[in-house]
Every structure is written in C-alpha cells, then in structure tokens.
Amino acid sequence: MTKTQSLLNAATLADAWARNVELFYTDGICVVEFDALETIADKLTRNYARADVSTWSDGAGSHISARVGDYHVVSFWDGEDMLFIYQCEPDDEVSEVIGHDPLFSQAL
C-alpha cells in the first residue's frame, strides 16, 4: 500500500468518526459510544492488509485507535473530544505511534 492510499484511508476513517461523534452531542454534552466507532472502523478497514482497532480507558478518558494501512493510525480521545492522524512505518506498533506528535489533530 502506498503512503498516499494509507493517508486517504486515514482521512476517510477520521471523517466517518467525526460525523458519528457529532451525533452523540446532546445539550452540549458528548457521550461517545465507542462500540459505534469500533464498528465503523471494522467496516472501513476489513479489506486492508494492515488493520488493527483497539480501545482502552485511563484516568484521562477513553481512546480508540485504528491502523488504516502501512503508514497511518487514526485515534479519537473523548477526554477533550480530539481526533488525531499519526504517520508511522510498517513495523511500528500502534501503541508506540500514539506517543508521537500527530500529523493532524482536530477538536470536535
């Protein structure tokens, strides 16, 4: 997979997650349903050779991340309703990539 295709995959998933997160706002409060985000990621990444979706929670909030090819990872954090796209290399672990500076970040 090329870096360009990987970036397109990342943008596609980020857009789908952003549109879905907007649906969770009620009276200015956002309660994200991570099962819905995971389902979206599973559907969009099912045909990718390198795909990995994971969710976890800590004291700062809940996170979901998805590898969308050889070169990009998309992540959402509900602590501040932030969406991120990270660039990586094919051998990088998703957990290592999340610790680096994102290629793109957007508050939702």
Protein backbone atom coordinates (compact mmCIF):
# COMPACT_ATOMS: atom_id res chain seq x y z
CA MET A 1 0.00 0.00 0.00
CA THR A 2 1.31 3.45 -0.85
CA LYS A 3 1.61 6.28 1.66
CA THR A 4 -0.97 8.23 -0.33
CA GLN A 5 -3.52 5.40 -0.14
CA SER A 6 -2.81 4.97 3.56
CA LEU A 7 -3.41 8.70 4.14
CA LEU A 8 -6.64 8.54 2.16
CA ASN A 9 -7.76 5.62 4.34
CA ALA A 10 -6.91 7.67 7.45
CA ALA A 11 -8.85 10.70 6.20
CA THR A 12 -11.85 8.51 5.33
CA LEU A 13 -11.97 6.95 8.79
CA ALA A 14 -11.35 10.27 10.55
CA ASP A 15 -14.24 11.84 8.63
CA ALA A 16 -16.57 8.94 9.44
CA TRP A 17 -15.68 9.09 13.14
CA ALA A 18 -16.08 12.90 13.25
CA ARG A 19 -19.53 12.69 11.65
CA ASN A 20 -20.54 9.98 14.10
CA VAL A 21 -19.23 11.80 17.18
CA GLU A 22 -21.34 14.82 16.24
CA LEU A 23 -24.41 12.60 16.65
CA PHE A 24 -23.54 11.96 20.32
CA TYR A 25 -23.91 15.60 21.41
CA THR A 26 -27.00 16.37 23.48
CA ASP A 27 -27.38 19.76 25.14
CA GLY A 28 -23.66 20.46 24.68
CA ILE A 29 -22.63 17.18 26.34
CA CYS A 30 -20.95 14.45 24.33
CA VAL A 31 -21.26 10.84 25.39
CA VAL A 32 -19.42 8.83 22.76
CA GLU A 33 -20.47 5.27 22.05
CA PHE A 34 -17.15 3.57 21.39
CA ASP A 35 -18.88 0.42 20.13
CA ALA A 36 -20.27 2.51 17.25
CA LEU A 37 -16.81 3.92 16.46
CA GLU A 38 -15.30 0.45 16.59
CA THR A 39 -17.98 -0.87 14.21
CA ILE A 40 -17.25 1.94 11.75
CA ALA A 41 -13.51 1.20 11.90
CA ASP A 42 -14.07 -2.53 11.46
CA LYS A 43 -16.22 -1.94 8.37
CA LEU A 44 -13.81 0.53 6.78
CA THR A 45 -10.65 -1.49 7.49
CA ARG A 46 -11.86 -5.04 6.79
CA ASN A 47 -10.13 -5.20 3.41
CA TYR A 48 -6.84 -3.59 4.46
CA ALA A 49 -3.78 -5.81 4.70
CA ARG A 50 -2.68 -3.91 7.85
CA ALA A 51 -5.57 -3.05 10.14
CA ASP A 52 -5.83 -3.05 13.90
CA VAL A 53 -8.58 -1.48 16.02
CA SER A 54 -8.21 -1.10 19.77
CA THR A 55 -9.96 0.74 22.59
CA TRP A 56 -8.79 1.50 26.12
CA SER A 57 -9.55 3.80 29.02
CA ASP A 58 -7.45 5.56 31.61
CA GLY A 59 -7.91 8.41 34.06
CA ALA A 60 -7.83 10.95 31.23
CA GLY A 61 -10.66 9.37 29.24
CA SER A 62 -11.34 6.69 26.69
CA HIS A 63 -9.42 6.16 23.46
CA ILE A 64 -9.94 4.30 20.24
CA SER A 65 -7.28 3.90 17.59
CA ALA A 66 -7.18 2.15 14.25
CA ARG A 67 -4.31 1.35 11.95
CA VAL A 68 -5.55 2.04 8.43
CA GLY A 69 -2.68 0.72 6.35
CA ASP A 70 1.08 0.60 6.49
CA TYR A 71 1.66 4.28 7.22
CA HIS A 72 -1.17 5.82 9.27
CA VAL A 73 -3.10 5.45 12.51
CA VAL A 74 -6.32 7.30 13.40
CA SER A 75 -7.16 7.93 17.05
CA PHE A 76 -10.03 9.53 18.97
CA TRP A 77 -9.83 10.59 22.61
CA ASP A 78 -13.03 11.57 24.43
CA GLY A 79 -11.21 13.39 27.23
CA GLU A 80 -11.21 16.51 25.03
CA ASP A 81 -13.10 15.12 22.02
CA MET A 82 -9.95 15.13 19.89
CA LEU A 83 -9.33 13.30 16.64
CA PHE A 84 -5.76 12.53 15.52
CA ILE A 85 -4.00 11.10 12.48
CA TYR A 86 -0.49 9.78 13.07
CA GLN A 87 2.09 8.80 10.48
CA CYS A 88 4.03 5.61 11.12
CA GLU A 89 6.17 2.97 9.46
CA PRO A 90 5.01 -0.55 8.60
CA ASP A 91 6.91 -2.10 11.53
CA ASP A 92 5.66 0.38 14.18
CA GLU A 93 3.29 -0.75 16.90
CA VAL A 94 0.14 1.37 17.28
CA SER A 95 0.89 1.99 20.96
CA GLU A 96 4.29 3.45 20.03
CA VAL A 97 2.83 5.71 17.35
CA ILE A 98 0.23 7.29 19.64
CA GLY A 99 3.02 8.70 21.80
CA HIS A 100 4.45 10.78 18.93
CA ASP A 101 3.33 14.13 17.53
CA PRO A 102 0.28 13.74 15.29
CA LEU A 103 0.31 14.58 11.60
CA PHE A 104 -3.18 16.06 12.09
CA SER A 105 -5.35 16.89 15.09
CA GLN A 106 -8.84 18.35 15.31
CA ALA A 107 -11.07 19.22 18.23
CA LEU A 108 -14.61 18.01 17.56
